[in-house]
Structures are given as structure tokens and as C-alpha cells.
């Protein structure tokens, strides 16, 4: 089914059966008003095309498109207007806030033509980016492979941090999400030069000696330097470099995201309950972005306890955390200790059983609320 489209209207089903007929032609998602639309983008986005009413109650469809494009710049915006509002909408097109105007009332065939035009524009916008991202993904995969081999503890923590960033993205739109996602994945690439004992202490939530802390504090700068010569990775490098910067030092948004999730993860490893962690983090002024901290807190279940279990590869489930690395019988590391499992890495592990004999069962931590 071509295209992934979000239709946003001011009231429930004003177009009658038009939505149903469009849903037969497109992967169509529908929302009423700005808040429901943003929730749909967080839960199911990004969308190729967003078709929105200009007037969404007390709020503006153009402002909605602007908010969505901050997080997903390639999304194509179409705005639906009454005939008397065409001039205002055309100004929005000239300013780049929307791709084209849809005058109401519009037939199903007319809307289909507009949506197909939006999808073609999306393909044009993303063709070069897709090529670059595929190329970059190859370089990034090589870097993460190096990290997993050189420092499995750092690799495991990076996977866990990336999982927390994805959890946060369900509660708040993260600008330049691809870059933030890559920064989370590569947040510990500078740790390839660190002694294993330092990373083991971090993973266990133990305090570092002054000389160890000084050494550990160099890894963001080292990591940023590794990425400095890779095209289109400037923002990723900047986020990594400033991942420990205070909020009042005005680092990039992505660095503020990493600061919240990194410190949460560190305190969690010290055995603190989630409620105490957020109380502690909220109590230090100027360190964390309060909006990001509040959004992240909303994604953490009240009961964050875990139960230890021994499981085989076939018993692995999303949200489990590895308490030991998964390795082949000849010692090849397949997934490092402390990684949070998800559909992708579980699939890769299951596929690996076709080529390698894996040491199992393994010890995992299972969230109490998942039992």
C-alpha cells in the first residue's frame, strides 16, 4: 500500500465516508486536533505526508506542520482550507510551511491526486538522504562493531542508552531524531581507549577514583573526534561531545536528551528506585532540561523492578536486559552484557543460531510488570 499518511481534522469525521475510501488506497492514519496528531506522530511516525485542516479549533494546522517537521524534516505537509482562506494558505506554501493547498470541499479522487503528489515530493526529498543514510549506516555499523569487540561493556551501555532515547521519543518529538539516535548509538565510541575496569565500574554504578574519572571524562571528546571527518555527521559529533553538558550551558537538544538518559541509567545501576532518581534529578537546578526530564519520567513504569531468569534464545523477549553477554561456543561476542533486548536484536540472535552454536541458556533481567 503506497505511502504513510496522517490526516488531521478539527472535528470527528467531517468528510463522511471519504476517510474510509482513502484508507483503501493509502496507509492512512487519522487524528482530531493538534494534540492527538502529535501523539500519533510520536507513536506511529514519521509519516510521509501530513494532510491537515488549516483551522484546528483554537490551534493552527501550519504550526502543527512546523512542529512535525522539526522532528521529521522530510515529511511533506498539505493544508486543507476553505476557498476564502486560499490566499493565507498560498503564503504558507511560499514560506515553505506547506507543500500545497487543498481547497475544500474536495472529492476522493481530488484528495487522492493531492496525496499522490505529496508522496512523489516525499520520494524526491528522501532519495538523496536515503542514499547518504545507507552509506552512513555502513560506517556507523563498522564503528559499533569495533566498539562491541574492543569494549563490550561500553557497547552494552550504548545499546541501553539508545533504547531509552527511543522510549523518550514516544513522549516528546525529538528534533533531528536520526542524528540523536545515531549519537546515542555512538555515545560511547570514545570508550574504545578506556581500560575495562573503568567501564565495569560505570556499569556497576560504582564511584570512579579521581584519575579514573578524569580519564572517563575524555571519552566524549575522543568520540566526537572519531566522527569529525565523516560527512553529514557534524551534529552527531557535537551531541556526543556535549553529552555531559549542563542544561544551563545551552548544549544542542540532542545532548540534553543524552544527559538525562545517561544520568538516569547511571543512577539506576547504583540501585536507586526510579522515583528517587527523578526526585534527585529534578532537585538539581540547571543540570537537566525540565521538559525532557518530565517527558522521560512519564515513560518509566511505576514498578521498575526486575526478576532474574535463565532463558534460551527462543525465550528472549523485548525489554529484557542481558545480565551476561551472549556468545558463540568458540567465544565470538554476539550481544554484550547490559543490552536491552528489542525486536531487531532478538531477530539477529535467532538468525545467528543458523550459523553459530550459541552458549545458552543466558541470564536476563525481566521487568516485573512483564511477568
Protein backbone atom coordinates (compact mmCIF):
# COMPACT_ATOMS: atom_id res chain seq x y z
CA UNK A 1 0.00 0.00 0.00
CA UNK A 2 1.64 3.28 -1.11
CA UNK A 3 2.60 5.95 1.38
CA UNK A 4 2.11 6.53 5.06
CA UNK A 5 -0.24 9.45 5.60
CA UNK A 6 -1.65 11.29 8.60
CA UNK A 7 -4.93 13.17 8.12
CA UNK A 8 -5.65 15.76 10.81
CA UNK A 9 -9.07 17.35 11.13
CA UNK A 10 -10.70 19.78 13.50
CA UNK A 11 -13.72 17.58 14.22
CA UNK A 12 -14.60 13.90 14.08
CA UNK A 13 -15.31 12.55 10.59
CA UNK A 14 -16.48 15.75 8.82
CA UNK A 15 -15.73 14.12 5.45
CA UNK A 16 -18.18 11.26 5.92
CA UNK A 17 -17.00 8.06 4.23
CA UNK A 18 -14.13 9.83 2.44
CA UNK A 19 -11.66 8.65 5.06
CA UNK A 20 -12.73 5.04 4.59
CA UNK A 21 -12.32 5.29 0.82
CA UNK A 22 -8.90 6.93 1.15
CA UNK A 23 -7.86 4.22 3.61
CA UNK A 24 -8.42 1.69 0.82
CA UNK A 25 -5.80 3.48 -1.28
CA UNK A 26 -3.23 4.60 1.32
CA UNK A 27 -1.78 3.65 4.69
CA UNK A 28 -3.98 6.27 6.33
CA UNK A 29 -3.92 7.35 9.98
CA UNK A 30 -6.42 9.89 11.29
CA UNK A 31 -6.32 12.34 14.20
CA UNK A 32 -8.55 15.04 15.64
CA UNK A 33 -6.75 18.23 16.65
CA UNK A 34 -3.12 19.10 17.35
CA UNK A 35 -2.51 17.06 20.50
CA UNK A 36 -3.91 13.85 19.03
CA UNK A 37 -1.89 14.44 15.86
CA UNK A 38 1.38 14.89 17.79
CA UNK A 39 0.58 11.76 19.78
CA UNK A 40 0.08 9.85 16.51
CA UNK A 41 3.43 11.11 15.19
CA UNK A 42 5.20 10.00 18.36
CA UNK A 43 3.52 6.60 18.36
CA UNK A 44 3.41 5.79 14.63
CA UNK A 45 5.60 8.34 12.85
CA UNK A 46 7.35 9.52 10.91
CA UNK A 47 4.73 9.99 8.19
CA UNK A 48 5.49 10.59 4.52
CA UNK A 49 2.66 13.13 4.19
CA UNK A 50 0.56 15.06 6.73
CA UNK A 51 -2.74 16.46 5.42
CA UNK A 52 -4.19 18.90 7.94
CA UNK A 53 -7.03 21.37 8.26
CA UNK A 54 -5.80 24.96 8.47
CA UNK A 55 -8.07 25.60 11.45
CA UNK A 56 -7.81 23.05 14.25
CA UNK A 57 -10.05 24.56 16.89
CA UNK A 58 -8.05 27.22 18.71
CA UNK A 59 -4.82 25.99 17.12
CA UNK A 60 -3.24 26.30 13.70
CA UNK A 61 -2.54 23.49 11.24
CA UNK A 62 0.53 25.36 9.95
CA UNK A 63 2.03 25.40 13.46
CA UNK A 64 1.38 21.66 13.64
CA UNK A 65 3.25 21.09 10.37
CA UNK A 66 6.14 23.20 11.66
CA UNK A 67 6.35 21.16 14.87
CA UNK A 68 6.31 17.88 12.96
CA UNK A 69 9.00 18.99 10.51
CA UNK A 70 11.34 19.95 13.35
CA UNK A 71 11.46 16.27 14.27
CA UNK A 72 10.95 14.83 10.78
CA UNK A 73 12.20 17.36 8.18
CA UNK A 74 11.31 15.19 5.19
CA UNK A 75 7.58 14.96 6.00
CA UNK A 76 5.52 16.72 3.31
CA UNK A 77 2.74 18.97 4.59
CA UNK A 78 -0.57 19.59 2.80
CA UNK A 79 -3.07 22.07 4.20
CA UNK A 80 -6.86 21.97 3.67
CA UNK A 81 -8.63 25.34 3.53
CA UNK A 82 -11.95 26.93 2.72
CA UNK A 83 -11.95 28.89 -0.54
CA UNK A 84 -11.82 32.24 1.28
CA UNK A 85 -8.62 31.15 3.06
CA UNK A 86 -6.66 30.29 -0.11
CA UNK A 87 -4.51 33.45 -0.06
CA UNK A 88 -3.37 32.77 3.50
CA UNK A 89 -2.54 29.16 2.63
CA UNK A 90 -0.63 30.17 -0.52
CA UNK A 91 1.54 32.43 1.61
CA UNK A 92 2.34 29.39 3.75
CA UNK A 93 3.39 27.50 0.61
CA UNK A 94 5.66 30.37 -0.44
CA UNK A 95 7.22 30.39 3.05
CA UNK A 96 7.87 26.64 2.87
CA UNK A 97 5.43 25.80 5.69
CA UNK A 98 3.34 23.58 3.40
CA UNK A 99 3.89 21.87 0.05
CA UNK A 100 0.48 22.57 -1.49
CA UNK A 101 -3.05 23.72 -0.74
CA UNK A 102 -6.18 21.53 -0.86
CA UNK A 103 -9.40 23.54 -1.26
CA UNK A 104 -12.47 22.13 0.48
CA UNK A 105 -14.74 20.50 -0.37
CA UNK A 106 -12.59 18.02 -2.29
CA UNK A 107 -13.62 14.75 -3.90
CA UNK A 108 -11.99 11.42 -3.08
CA UNK A 109 -10.27 11.46 -6.48
CA UNK A 110 -9.13 15.04 -5.90
CA UNK A 111 -7.71 14.21 -2.48
CA UNK A 112 -6.07 11.11 -3.93
CA UNK A 113 -4.32 13.23 -6.55
CA UNK A 114 -3.07 15.68 -3.91
CA UNK A 115 -1.84 12.88 -1.67
CA UNK A 116 -0.06 11.14 -4.55
CA UNK A 117 1.65 14.43 -5.40
CA UNK A 118 2.72 14.74 -1.78
CA UNK A 119 4.11 11.21 -1.83
CA UNK A 120 6.08 11.92 -5.01
CA UNK A 121 7.53 15.02 -3.37
CA UNK A 122 8.47 12.92 -0.35
CA UNK A 123 10.29 10.43 -2.60
CA UNK A 124 12.21 13.26 -4.27
CA UNK A 125 13.18 14.77 -0.92
CA UNK A 126 14.30 11.50 0.59
CA UNK A 127 16.11 9.92 -2.38
CA UNK A 128 19.46 11.63 -1.71
CA UNK A 129 19.03 11.38 2.06
CA UNK A 130 18.31 7.64 1.84
CA UNK A 131 21.48 7.09 -0.16
CA UNK A 132 23.55 9.10 2.32
CA UNK A 133 21.97 7.42 5.32
CA UNK A 134 22.58 3.95 3.86
CA UNK A 135 26.22 4.92 3.34
CA UNK A 136 26.47 6.37 6.82
CA UNK A 137 24.80 3.33 8.36
CA UNK A 138 27.60 1.21 6.90
CA UNK A 139 30.23 3.41 8.53
CA UNK A 140 28.31 3.50 11.80
CA UNK A 141 27.89 -0.27 11.80
CA UNK A 142 31.64 -0.63 11.37
CA UNK A 143 32.25 1.70 14.31
CA UNK A 144 29.78 -0.11 16.55
CA UNK A 145 31.33 -3.45 15.60
CA UNK A 146 34.71 -2.09 16.69
CA UNK A 147 33.20 -0.90 19.98
CA UNK A 148 31.48 -4.24 20.63
CA UNK A 149 34.75 -6.11 20.15
CA UNK A 150 37.06 -3.65 21.90
CA UNK A 151 34.83 -2.81 24.84
CA UNK A 152 31.68 -4.95 25.23
CA UNK A 153 30.66 -3.12 28.43
CA UNK A 154 30.64 0.25 26.64
CA UNK A 155 28.78 -1.26 23.69
CA UNK A 156 26.16 -2.73 26.01
CA UNK A 157 25.60 0.60 27.71
CA UNK A 158 25.30 2.38 24.34
CA UNK A 159 22.57 -0.06 23.30
CA UNK A 160 20.76 0.55 26.56
CA UNK A 161 21.02 4.33 26.14
CA UNK A 162 19.67 4.10 22.62
CA UNK A 163 16.70 2.10 23.90
CA UNK A 164 15.97 4.81 26.48
CA UNK A 165 16.11 7.50 23.78
CA UNK A 166 13.58 5.55 21.71
CA UNK A 167 11.37 5.29 24.79
CA UNK A 168 11.59 9.06 25.28
CA UNK A 169 10.65 9.64 21.62
CA UNK A 170 7.22 8.18 22.37
CA UNK A 171 6.53 11.06 24.78
CA UNK A 172 8.15 14.05 23.04
CA UNK A 173 9.07 14.99 19.48
CA UNK A 174 12.87 14.98 19.28
CA UNK A 175 14.28 17.40 16.68
CA UNK A 176 16.67 15.80 14.16
CA UNK A 177 15.79 12.39 15.59
CA UNK A 178 18.03 10.45 13.19
CA UNK A 179 21.07 12.38 14.38
CA UNK A 180 20.09 11.97 18.04
CA UNK A 181 19.52 8.24 17.51
CA UNK A 182 22.98 7.88 15.94
CA UNK A 183 24.53 9.94 18.74
CA UNK A 184 23.00 7.60 21.31
CA UNK A 185 24.29 4.55 19.42
CA UNK A 186 27.78 6.08 19.19
CA UNK A 187 27.74 7.85 22.55
CA UNK A 188 30.44 5.55 23.93
CA UNK A 189 32.62 5.14 20.82
CA UNK A 190 35.34 7.14 22.58
CA UNK A 191 35.48 4.42 25.24
CA UNK A 192 37.47 2.12 22.94
CA UNK A 193 40.58 3.60 24.52
CA UNK A 194 39.45 3.21 28.14
CA UNK A 195 40.53 0.38 30.47
CA UNK A 196 37.88 -2.28 31.00
CA UNK A 197 37.96 -1.70 34.78
CA UNK A 198 36.66 1.86 34.33
CA UNK A 199 33.68 0.76 32.20
CA UNK A 200 32.96 -2.11 34.57
CA UNK A 201 32.74 0.37 37.46
CA UNK A 202 30.36 2.58 35.47
CA UNK A 203 28.20 -0.43 34.55
CA UNK A 204 28.07 -1.49 38.20
CA UNK A 205 27.21 2.01 39.41
CA UNK A 206 30.44 2.34 41.37
CA UNK A 207 32.26 5.61 42.02
CA UNK A 208 35.40 6.24 39.99
CA UNK A 209 38.73 7.25 41.50
CA UNK A 210 39.79 10.82 40.56
CA UNK A 211 42.24 9.65 37.90
CA UNK A 212 39.64 7.22 36.50
CA UNK A 213 37.02 9.99 36.39
CA UNK A 214 39.45 12.28 34.56
CA UNK A 215 40.11 9.53 32.05
CA UNK A 216 36.43 8.70 31.58
CA UNK A 217 35.55 12.37 31.05
CA UNK A 218 37.71 12.42 27.91
CA UNK A 219 35.62 9.88 26.01
CA UNK A 220 33.02 12.34 24.58
CA UNK A 221 35.75 14.49 23.03
CA UNK A 222 37.54 11.42 21.69
CA UNK A 223 34.28 10.08 20.26
CA UNK A 224 33.47 13.40 18.58
CA UNK A 225 36.95 13.41 17.07
CA UNK A 226 36.41 9.94 15.58
CA UNK A 227 33.33 11.22 13.74
CA UNK A 228 34.74 14.62 12.75
CA UNK A 229 35.82 13.57 9.26
CA UNK A 230 32.65 11.67 8.31
CA UNK A 231 30.37 13.78 6.02
CA UNK A 232 26.97 14.81 7.45
CA UNK A 233 27.94 13.73 10.98
CA UNK A 234 28.78 17.18 12.36
CA UNK A 235 25.64 17.42 14.54
CA UNK A 236 26.09 13.83 15.76
CA UNK A 237 29.67 14.65 16.76
CA UNK A 238 28.55 17.83 18.55
CA UNK A 239 25.87 15.94 20.50
CA UNK A 240 28.38 13.29 21.55
CA UNK A 241 30.96 15.89 22.56
CA UNK A 242 28.46 17.70 24.81
CA UNK A 243 26.56 14.68 26.16
CA UNK A 244 27.53 15.53 29.75
CA UNK A 245 26.97 19.30 29.46
CA UNK A 246 24.56 21.01 31.86
CA UNK A 247 21.28 22.38 30.54
CA UNK A 248 22.26 25.94 31.52
CA UNK A 249 25.32 25.65 29.26
CA UNK A 250 22.83 25.54 26.31
CA UNK A 251 24.07 22.40 24.55
CA UNK A 252 22.21 21.06 21.46
CA UNK A 253 18.81 19.47 22.14
CA UNK A 254 20.19 16.01 21.43
CA UNK A 255 22.93 16.49 24.04
CA UNK A 256 20.27 17.47 26.58
CA UNK A 257 18.45 14.23 25.77
CA UNK A 258 21.60 12.17 26.32
CA UNK A 259 22.38 13.98 29.58
CA UNK A 260 19.00 12.93 31.01
CA UNK A 261 19.10 9.30 29.92
CA UNK A 262 22.79 8.77 30.71
CA UNK A 263 22.47 10.06 34.26
CA UNK A 264 19.24 8.13 34.81
CA UNK A 265 20.95 4.94 33.65
CA UNK A 266 23.94 5.58 35.92
CA UNK A 267 21.75 6.15 38.99
CA UNK A 268 19.61 3.13 38.17
CA UNK A 269 22.76 0.99 38.10
CA UNK A 270 23.51 2.21 41.60
CA UNK A 271 20.34 0.51 42.76
CA UNK A 272 18.18 3.59 43.28
CA UNK A 273 14.44 3.22 42.61
CA UNK A 274 13.09 5.25 39.69
CA UNK A 275 11.03 7.59 41.90
CA UNK A 276 14.11 8.54 43.92
CA UNK A 277 16.16 9.05 40.78
CA UNK A 278 13.72 11.55 39.29
CA UNK A 279 13.37 13.37 42.62
CA UNK A 280 17.14 13.68 42.79
CA UNK A 281 17.48 14.81 39.17
CA UNK A 282 14.68 17.37 39.47
CA UNK A 283 16.28 18.76 42.63
CA UNK A 284 19.45 19.99 40.93
CA UNK A 285 18.73 23.20 39.08
CA UNK A 286 20.26 23.99 35.74
CA UNK A 287 21.58 20.48 35.10
CA UNK A 288 18.71 18.90 33.15
CA UNK A 289 16.21 20.26 30.65
CA UNK A 290 13.00 20.17 32.72
CA UNK A 291 10.77 19.45 29.70
CA UNK A 292 12.88 16.46 28.65
CA UNK A 293 13.15 15.20 32.23
CA UNK A 294 9.38 15.35 32.76
CA UNK A 295 8.67 13.63 29.43
CA UNK A 296 11.20 10.90 30.18
CA UNK A 297 9.77 10.31 33.65
CA UNK A 298 6.33 9.79 32.08
CA UNK A 299 7.71 6.84 30.08
CA UNK A 300 9.14 4.95 33.06
CA UNK A 301 6.74 2.42 34.66
CA UNK A 302 6.00 2.95 38.35
CA UNK A 303 7.28 -0.53 39.14
CA UNK A 304 10.71 -0.80 37.55
CA UNK A 305 11.76 -3.93 39.44
CA UNK A 306 13.31 -6.89 37.63
CA UNK A 307 13.33 -10.63 38.14
CA UNK A 308 16.37 -12.68 37.15
CA UNK A 309 15.70 -15.64 34.83
CA UNK A 310 17.65 -18.17 32.78
CA UNK A 311 16.31 -18.38 29.22
CA UNK A 312 17.16 -19.86 25.82
CA UNK A 313 17.34 -17.87 22.58
CA UNK A 314 13.76 -18.84 21.75
CA UNK A 315 12.56 -17.40 25.07
CA UNK A 316 14.04 -13.93 24.57
CA UNK A 317 11.51 -11.08 24.71
CA UNK A 318 11.66 -7.33 24.18
CA UNK A 319 12.57 -5.21 27.25
CA UNK A 320 14.60 -8.00 28.87
CA UNK A 321 18.10 -6.88 29.87
CA UNK A 322 21.09 -9.17 29.44
CA UNK A 323 22.90 -9.87 32.67
CA UNK A 324 25.62 -11.70 30.74
CA UNK A 325 26.92 -11.42 27.19
CA UNK A 326 25.59 -13.76 24.51
CA UNK A 327 28.50 -15.55 22.85
CA UNK A 328 29.08 -18.44 20.48
CA UNK A 329 30.74 -21.61 21.78
CA UNK A 330 34.00 -20.50 20.17
CA UNK A 331 33.94 -17.19 22.03
CA UNK A 332 32.51 -14.78 19.42
CA UNK A 333 30.55 -11.92 21.07
CA UNK A 334 27.03 -11.65 19.59
CA UNK A 335 25.42 -9.22 22.04
CA UNK A 336 27.05 -7.57 25.03
CA UNK A 337 26.00 -7.68 28.66
CA UNK A 338 23.58 -4.94 29.78
CA UNK A 339 21.92 -4.63 26.36
CA UNK A 340 18.14 -4.11 26.42
CA UNK A 341 16.51 -6.54 24.02
CA UNK A 342 14.25 -5.39 21.21
CA UNK A 343 12.70 -6.94 18.10
CA UNK A 344 15.75 -6.18 15.94
CA UNK A 345 18.48 -7.65 18.11
CA UNK A 346 16.32 -10.66 19.04
CA UNK A 347 15.80 -11.35 15.31
CA UNK A 348 19.54 -11.11 14.67
CA UNK A 349 20.25 -13.52 17.53
CA UNK A 350 17.71 -16.05 16.29
CA UNK A 351 19.20 -15.80 12.79
CA UNK A 352 22.68 -16.27 14.28
CA UNK A 353 21.67 -19.71 15.56
CA UNK A 354 21.64 -20.84 11.91
CA UNK A 355 25.37 -20.12 11.64
CA UNK A 356 26.73 -20.39 15.17
CA UNK A 357 26.25 -22.64 18.14
CA UNK A 358 25.37 -20.27 20.96
CA UNK A 359 26.05 -20.75 24.63
CA UNK A 360 22.66 -20.99 26.31
CA UNK A 361 20.71 -20.55 28.47
CA UNK A 362 21.67 -17.00 29.42
CA UNK A 363 20.75 -14.89 32.43
CA UNK A 364 18.40 -11.97 31.80
CA UNK A 365 16.53 -9.44 33.89
CA UNK A 366 12.78 -9.43 33.18
CA UNK A 367 10.65 -6.40 34.15
CA UNK A 368 8.23 -7.38 36.90
CA UNK A 369 5.34 -5.79 35.03
CA UNK A 370 6.08 -8.07 32.04
CA UNK A 371 5.69 -11.32 34.01
